Structures are given as structure tokens and as C-alpha cells.
Amino acid sequence: MDSHGQDEQRVVWAVVGTDIGPLMLAATHDGLVNVVFHASDAVRDRALERLAARLGGRPVEDPDSPLLAEAIGQVRAYFAGERHDFDLPLDWSLISGFNRQVLRELASGVPYGTVVGYGDLAGRVGQPGGAQAVGAAMGANPLPVVVPCHRVVESGGGIGGFGGGLETKRKLLALEGVLPEPLF
């Protein structure tokens, strides 16, 4: 407990194997707070350090935690092609302001199997001409896959950038039927 008698923010995490490599999922009592691509030991350790610095307390590995159970199940179902929408409580505490506004619009307004342009998404949040700012928001997304930044593409038809790597973005879009599966 802290000096005000409140429980310290508890963060639990687990690594889930997926078709795009291991994902680290972290949750608080408020919901899923972080999804990390390519969760090798080194990547995971850096992510855990960032979470500790931002949220306080030491994140605890607990794949059996009730805080993670639904998120793990829904992520597995998504990659198995059995789930098209995530219905999870989300802890937005790692993101604020314009970035949070953009990511909330993305999560609620760009369904599975569709894409949106950076500029179009900027217009949806009342910032026409804010395509670059939307790109920055996508890069700051603490909840990729669940908040589907892979569905944001360039207006000219290009795939755009992606924090998880372009091959990961291609695989996610192929899973959703937006792109054909790679031939090799």
C-alpha cells in the first residue's frame, strides 16, 4: 500500500505465442494496458522496465491471472480466425490527448477486414490535414493488434509504417483478408 492507503497499481503479464511471434500482454485492474510485439527476453525486459517506470511497482509474470485470462483467450481466438472483434476492458493510462482520441476512434470505428487512411482517420477526429500526427499516434499505440493500428494505411495505397515491422503488418492484414497471404 502507498502512503494514502491505496493498493499500488498491480501489473501482471504473460507471453502468448501467435502466428506473428510472441506477444507480451500486460494488464492492470482497469484492463489490458500493453501489448508488445516480438517479445523475446530482451524486448520483454525493456517493456517491463517501461511499465514499471510509468505505472509504478514491478510487473509480475502471472499467465493464470484473472486480469489476463480474457485477453489471452481473445488474442488466441483472433489468430485462430475465430474472433473478429476484441471485447476487453482497456487501461488507456499509457496514452493521452490526441493520441488517445485517435486510438479510441480506431478501436471503435475501423472494423475487422477494413482499412482507413491516415488522413481519413485524422478527419474523423476533427483534425483534417493531421495525417502525420495520426502516424505518430499509431507509433505510440500501447495496445497494437487489440487497438488495430495495422488497419491504418497510406491514402495512395501503400501499406505505411508499423512498429511491429512491415512483415507483421502484412500478416495481420492477410489474416483479416485485406491482403493475400504471402506466397513464401
C-alpha atoms as a PDB file:
ATOM      1  CA  MET A   1       0.000   0.000   0.000  1.00  0.00           C
ATOM      2  CA  ASP A   2       1.124   3.554  -0.625  1.00  0.00           C
ATOM      3  CA  SER A   3       1.116   6.396   1.900  1.00  0.00           C
ATOM      4  CA  HIS A   4      -2.581   7.081   1.175  1.00  0.00           C
ATOM      5  CA  GLY A   5      -3.656   3.524   1.981  1.00  0.00           C
ATOM      6  CA  GLN A   6      -4.216   2.659  -1.685  1.00  0.00           C
ATOM      7  CA  ASP A   7      -3.044  -0.529  -3.321  1.00  0.00           C
ATOM      8  CA  GLU A   8      -0.097   0.024  -5.599  1.00  0.00           C
ATOM      9  CA  GLN A   9      -1.008  -0.386  -9.269  1.00  0.00           C
ATOM     10  CA  ARG A  10      -0.656  -4.133  -9.896  1.00  0.00           C
ATOM     11  CA  VAL A  11       0.576  -5.045 -13.354  1.00  0.00           C
ATOM     12  CA  VAL A  12       0.529  -8.674 -14.454  1.00  0.00           C
ATOM     13  CA  TRP A  13       1.915 -10.002 -17.702  1.00  0.00           C
ATOM     14  CA  ALA A  14       2.262 -13.108 -19.824  1.00  0.00           C
ATOM     15  CA  VAL A  15       3.712 -14.014 -23.205  1.00  0.00           C
ATOM     16  CA  VAL A  16       1.397 -15.614 -25.762  1.00  0.00           C
ATOM     17  CA  GLY A  17       2.654 -17.426 -28.847  1.00  0.00           C
ATOM     18  CA  THR A  18       0.994 -16.248 -32.087  1.00  0.00           C
ATOM     19  CA  ASP A  19       1.405 -16.548 -35.848  1.00  0.00           C
ATOM     20  CA  ILE A  20       3.346 -13.264 -35.788  1.00  0.00           C
ATOM     21  CA  GLY A  21       5.638 -14.327 -32.954  1.00  0.00           C
ATOM     22  CA  PRO A  22       5.379 -13.973 -29.206  1.00  0.00           C
ATOM     23  CA  LEU A  23       3.197 -11.158 -27.869  1.00  0.00           C
ATOM     24  CA  MET A  24       3.546  -9.885 -24.336  1.00  0.00           C
ATOM     25  CA  LEU A  25       0.222  -8.907 -22.798  1.00  0.00           C
ATOM     26  CA  ALA A  26       0.131  -6.787 -19.649  1.00  0.00           C
ATOM     27  CA  ALA A  27      -2.913  -5.826 -17.611  1.00  0.00           C
ATOM     28  CA  THR A  28      -3.923  -3.799 -14.578  1.00  0.00           C
ATOM     29  CA  HIS A  29      -7.156  -3.926 -12.592  1.00  0.00           C
ATOM     30  CA  ASP A  30      -8.536  -1.434 -15.164  1.00  0.00           C
ATOM     31  CA  GLY A  31      -7.872  -3.696 -18.150  1.00  0.00           C
ATOM     32  CA  LEU A  32      -5.324  -4.612 -20.786  1.00  0.00           C
ATOM     33  CA  VAL A  33      -2.639  -1.917 -20.693  1.00  0.00           C
ATOM     34  CA  ASN A  34       0.082  -3.081 -23.087  1.00  0.00           C
ATOM     35  CA  VAL A  35       0.690  -5.453 -26.000  1.00  0.00           C
ATOM     36  CA  VAL A  36       4.295  -5.866 -27.118  1.00  0.00           C
ATOM     37  CA  PHE A  37       5.388  -7.440 -30.417  1.00  0.00           C
ATOM     38  CA  HIS A  38       8.322  -9.839 -30.794  1.00  0.00           C
ATOM     39  CA  ALA A  39       8.531 -10.432 -27.047  1.00  0.00           C
ATOM     40  CA  SER A  40      11.962 -12.013 -26.860  1.00  0.00           C
ATOM     41  CA  ASP A  41      13.611 -11.858 -23.443  1.00  0.00           C
ATOM     42  CA  ALA A  42      15.384  -8.581 -24.232  1.00  0.00           C
ATOM     43  CA  VAL A  43      12.296  -6.902 -25.723  1.00  0.00           C
ATOM     44  CA  ARG A  44      10.143  -8.121 -22.850  1.00  0.00           C
ATOM     45  CA  ASP A  45      12.620  -6.880 -20.235  1.00  0.00           C
ATOM     46  CA  ARG A  46      12.704  -3.384 -21.786  1.00  0.00           C
ATOM     47  CA  ALA A  47       8.898  -3.304 -21.922  1.00  0.00           C
ATOM     48  CA  LEU A  48       8.654  -4.356 -18.276  1.00  0.00           C
ATOM     49  CA  GLU A  49      11.099  -1.615 -17.269  1.00  0.00           C
ATOM     50  CA  ARG A  50       8.979   0.966 -19.123  1.00  0.00           C
ATOM     51  CA  LEU A  51       5.800  -0.310 -17.473  1.00  0.00           C
ATOM     52  CA  ALA A  52       7.382  -0.152 -14.015  1.00  0.00           C
ATOM     53  CA  ALA A  53       8.580   3.406 -14.652  1.00  0.00           C
ATOM     54  CA  ARG A  54       5.209   4.572 -15.991  1.00  0.00           C
ATOM     55  CA  LEU A  55       2.820   2.705 -13.693  1.00  0.00           C
ATOM     56  CA  GLY A  56       4.868   2.102 -10.565  1.00  0.00           C
ATOM     57  CA  GLY A  57       5.503  -1.234  -8.961  1.00  0.00           C
ATOM     58  CA  ARG A  58       7.188  -4.207 -10.517  1.00  0.00           C
ATOM     59  CA  PRO A  59       5.140  -6.071 -13.145  1.00  0.00           C
ATOM     60  CA  VAL A  60       4.580  -9.692 -12.171  1.00  0.00           C
ATOM     61  CA  GLU A  61       4.510 -12.619 -14.574  1.00  0.00           C
ATOM     62  CA  ASP A  62       1.178 -14.332 -13.984  1.00  0.00           C
ATOM     63  CA  PRO A  63      -0.276 -16.102 -17.035  1.00  0.00           C
ATOM     64  CA  ASP A  64      -3.069 -17.525 -14.861  1.00  0.00           C
ATOM     65  CA  SER A  65      -4.203 -14.137 -13.565  1.00  0.00           C
ATOM     66  CA  PRO A  66      -7.898 -13.382 -13.984  1.00  0.00           C
ATOM     67  CA  LEU A  67      -6.764  -9.939 -15.182  1.00  0.00           C
ATOM     68  CA  LEU A  68      -5.229 -11.601 -18.266  1.00  0.00           C
ATOM     69  CA  ALA A  69      -7.453 -14.632 -18.853  1.00  0.00           C
ATOM     70  CA  GLU A  70      -9.970 -12.994 -21.188  1.00  0.00           C
ATOM     71  CA  ALA A  71      -7.304 -11.080 -23.131  1.00  0.00           C
ATOM     72  CA  ILE A  72      -5.259 -14.251 -23.687  1.00  0.00           C
ATOM     73  CA  GLY A  73      -8.356 -16.124 -24.830  1.00  0.00           C
ATOM     74  CA  GLN A  74      -9.451 -13.392 -27.217  1.00  0.00           C
ATOM     75  CA  VAL A  75      -5.958 -12.971 -28.718  1.00  0.00           C
ATOM     76  CA  ARG A  76      -5.741 -16.730 -29.333  1.00  0.00           C
ATOM     77  CA  ALA A  77      -9.222 -16.748 -30.906  1.00  0.00           C
ATOM     78  CA  TYR A  78      -8.297 -13.798 -33.136  1.00  0.00           C
ATOM     79  CA  PHE A  79      -5.233 -15.571 -34.500  1.00  0.00           C
ATOM     80  CA  ALA A  80      -7.256 -18.773 -34.962  1.00  0.00           C
ATOM     81  CA  GLY A  81      -9.673 -16.778 -37.147  1.00  0.00           C
ATOM     82  CA  GLU A  82     -12.487 -17.316 -34.634  1.00  0.00           C
ATOM     83  CA  ARG A  83     -12.783 -13.717 -33.404  1.00  0.00           C
ATOM     84  CA  HIS A  84     -13.072 -10.502 -35.394  1.00  0.00           C
ATOM     85  CA  ASP A  85     -13.572  -8.012 -32.579  1.00  0.00           C
ATOM     86  CA  PHE A  86     -11.942  -7.602 -29.205  1.00  0.00           C
ATOM     87  CA  ASP A  87     -14.292  -7.008 -26.322  1.00  0.00           C
ATOM     88  CA  LEU A  88     -11.935  -6.254 -23.461  1.00  0.00           C
ATOM     89  CA  PRO A  89     -11.615  -3.618 -20.796  1.00  0.00           C
ATOM     90  CA  LEU A  90      -8.686  -1.412 -21.785  1.00  0.00           C
ATOM     91  CA  ASP A  91      -6.471   0.635 -19.489  1.00  0.00           C
ATOM     92  CA  TRP A  92      -5.629   3.769 -21.504  1.00  0.00           C
ATOM     93  CA  SER A  93      -3.232   5.173 -18.894  1.00  0.00           C
ATOM     94  CA  LEU A  94      -0.148   4.845 -21.138  1.00  0.00           C
ATOM     95  CA  ILE A  95      -1.558   7.248 -23.735  1.00  0.00           C
ATOM     96  CA  SER A  96      -3.318  10.600 -23.554  1.00  0.00           C
ATOM     97  CA  GLY A  97      -4.523  13.615 -25.506  1.00  0.00           C
ATOM     98  CA  PHE A  98      -4.760  13.495 -29.279  1.00  0.00           C
ATOM     99  CA  ASN A  99      -3.110  10.069 -29.449  1.00  0.00           C
ATOM    100  CA  ARG A 100      -5.749   8.575 -27.140  1.00  0.00           C
ATOM    101  CA  GLN A 101      -8.546  10.230 -29.128  1.00  0.00           C
ATOM    102  CA  VAL A 102      -7.215   8.784 -32.395  1.00  0.00           C
ATOM    103  CA  LEU A 103      -6.716   5.305 -30.947  1.00  0.00           C
ATOM    104  CA  ARG A 104     -10.213   5.241 -29.440  1.00  0.00           C
ATOM    105  CA  GLU A 105     -11.678   6.185 -32.838  1.00  0.00           C
ATOM    106  CA  LEU A 106      -9.584   3.493 -34.495  1.00  0.00           C
ATOM    107  CA  ALA A 107     -10.712   0.858 -31.990  1.00  0.00           C
ATOM    108  CA  SER A 108     -14.406   1.679 -32.368  1.00  0.00           C
ATOM    109  CA  GLY A 109     -14.632   2.833 -35.976  1.00  0.00           C
ATOM    110  CA  VAL A 110     -12.407   0.643 -38.158  1.00  0.00           C
ATOM    111  CA  PRO A 111     -13.769  -2.906 -38.168  1.00  0.00           C
ATOM    112  CA  TYR A 112     -12.015  -6.177 -38.926  1.00  0.00           C
ATOM    113  CA  GLY A 113     -11.219  -6.651 -42.596  1.00  0.00           C
ATOM    114  CA  THR A 114     -11.180  -2.943 -43.423  1.00  0.00           C
ATOM    115  CA  VAL A 115      -8.526  -0.248 -43.599  1.00  0.00           C
ATOM    116  CA  VAL A 116      -8.510   3.520 -43.210  1.00  0.00           C
ATOM    117  CA  GLY A 117      -6.061   6.140 -44.456  1.00  0.00           C
ATOM    118  CA  TYR A 118      -4.018   8.225 -42.028  1.00  0.00           C
ATOM    119  CA  GLY A 119      -5.678  11.398 -43.362  1.00  0.00           C
ATOM    120  CA  ASP A 120      -9.158   9.904 -43.205  1.00  0.00           C
ATOM    121  CA  LEU A 121      -8.631   8.947 -39.569  1.00  0.00           C
ATOM    122  CA  ALA A 122      -7.372  12.465 -38.833  1.00  0.00           C
ATOM    123  CA  GLY A 123     -10.568  13.868 -40.330  1.00  0.00           C
ATOM    124  CA  ARG A 124     -12.698  11.570 -38.176  1.00  0.00           C
ATOM    125  CA  VAL A 125     -11.226  13.135 -35.036  1.00  0.00           C
ATOM    126  CA  GLY A 126     -11.658  16.677 -36.327  1.00  0.00           C
ATOM    127  CA  GLN A 127      -8.077  17.246 -37.482  1.00  0.00           C
ATOM    128  CA  PRO A 128      -8.141  17.303 -41.299  1.00  0.00           C
ATOM    129  CA  GLY A 129      -4.593  17.574 -42.522  1.00  0.00           C
ATOM    130  CA  GLY A 130      -3.343  15.738 -39.426  1.00  0.00           C
ATOM    131  CA  ALA A 131      -2.166  12.580 -41.189  1.00  0.00           C
ATOM    132  CA  GLN A 132       1.370  12.840 -39.780  1.00  0.00           C
ATOM    133  CA  ALA A 133       0.021  13.284 -36.259  1.00  0.00           C
ATOM    134  CA  VAL A 134      -2.119  10.181 -36.777  1.00  0.00           C
ATOM    135  CA  GLY A 135       1.016   8.328 -37.870  1.00  0.00           C
ATOM    136  CA  ALA A 136       2.705   9.383 -34.645  1.00  0.00           C
ATOM    137  CA  ALA A 137      -0.325   8.166 -32.667  1.00  0.00           C
ATOM    138  CA  MET A 138      -0.112   4.793 -34.391  1.00  0.00           C
ATOM    139  CA  GLY A 139       3.576   4.563 -33.465  1.00  0.00           C
ATOM    140  CA  ALA A 140       2.718   5.335 -29.833  1.00  0.00           C
ATOM    141  CA  ASN A 141      -0.070   2.729 -29.637  1.00  0.00           C
ATOM    142  CA  PRO A 142       0.487   0.717 -26.442  1.00  0.00           C
ATOM    143  CA  LEU A 143      -2.175  -1.826 -27.472  1.00  0.00           C
ATOM    144  CA  PRO A 144      -1.392  -2.969 -31.032  1.00  0.00           C
ATOM    145  CA  VAL A 145      -3.490  -5.781 -32.519  1.00  0.00           C
ATOM    146  CA  VAL A 146      -6.281  -5.111 -29.982  1.00  0.00           C
ATOM    147  CA  VAL A 147      -6.367  -1.437 -30.994  1.00  0.00           C
ATOM    148  CA  PRO A 148      -5.755  -2.243 -34.671  1.00  0.00           C
ATOM    149  CA  CYS A 149      -3.137   0.234 -35.903  1.00  0.00           C
ATOM    150  CA  HIS A 150      -2.285  -2.328 -38.609  1.00  0.00           C
ATOM    151  CA  ARG A 151      -5.525  -1.224 -40.318  1.00  0.00           C
ATOM    152  CA  VAL A 152      -4.191   2.287 -41.000  1.00  0.00           C
ATOM    153  CA  VAL A 153      -2.613   2.660 -44.439  1.00  0.00           C
ATOM    154  CA  GLU A 154      -1.395   5.356 -46.806  1.00  0.00           C
ATOM    155  CA  SER A 155      -4.018   7.094 -48.921  1.00  0.00           C
ATOM    156  CA  GLY A 156      -2.123   6.261 -52.122  1.00  0.00           C
ATOM    157  CA  GLY A 157      -2.445   2.543 -51.477  1.00  0.00           C
ATOM    158  CA  GLY A 158       0.874   1.998 -49.696  1.00  0.00           C
ATOM    159  CA  ILE A 159       0.953  -0.119 -46.576  1.00  0.00           C
ATOM    160  CA  GLY A 160       2.530   2.625 -44.450  1.00  0.00           C
ATOM    161  CA  GLY A 161       4.775   2.063 -41.469  1.00  0.00           C
ATOM    162  CA  PHE A 162       4.342  -0.215 -38.492  1.00  0.00           C
ATOM    163  CA  GLY A 163       6.037  -0.531 -35.130  1.00  0.00           C
ATOM    164  CA  GLY A 164       5.887  -4.321 -35.288  1.00  0.00           C
ATOM    165  CA  GLY A 165       7.576  -4.348 -38.713  1.00  0.00           C
ATOM    166  CA  LEU A 166       6.044  -4.353 -42.164  1.00  0.00           C
ATOM    167  CA  GLU A 167       6.032  -8.161 -42.416  1.00  0.00           C
ATOM    168  CA  THR A 168       3.961  -8.306 -39.225  1.00  0.00           C
ATOM    169  CA  LYS A 169       1.553  -5.708 -40.621  1.00  0.00           C
ATOM    170  CA  ARG A 170       1.215  -7.707 -43.854  1.00  0.00           C
ATOM    171  CA  LYS A 171       0.476 -10.894 -41.882  1.00  0.00           C
ATOM    172  CA  LEU A 172      -2.197  -9.173 -39.779  1.00  0.00           C
ATOM    173  CA  LEU A 173      -3.849  -7.685 -42.865  1.00  0.00           C
ATOM    174  CA  ALA A 174      -3.698 -11.092 -44.589  1.00  0.00           C
ATOM    175  CA  LEU A 175      -5.286 -12.730 -41.533  1.00  0.00           C
ATOM    176  CA  GLU A 176      -8.156 -10.246 -41.858  1.00  0.00           C
ATOM    177  CA  GLY A 177      -8.484 -10.844 -45.615  1.00  0.00           C
ATOM    178  CA  VAL A 178      -7.298  -7.379 -46.644  1.00  0.00           C
ATOM    179  CA  LEU A 179      -4.122  -8.659 -48.333  1.00  0.00           C
ATOM    180  CA  PRO A 180      -3.377 -12.027 -49.892  1.00  0.00           C
ATOM    181  CA  GLU A 181      -1.201 -14.382 -47.870  1.00  0.00           C
ATOM    182  CA  PRO A 182       2.474 -14.123 -48.854  1.00  0.00           C
ATOM    183  CA  LEU A 183       3.484 -16.804 -51.330  1.00  0.00           C
ATOM    184  CA  PHE A 184       6.649 -17.665 -49.400  1.00  0.00           C
END
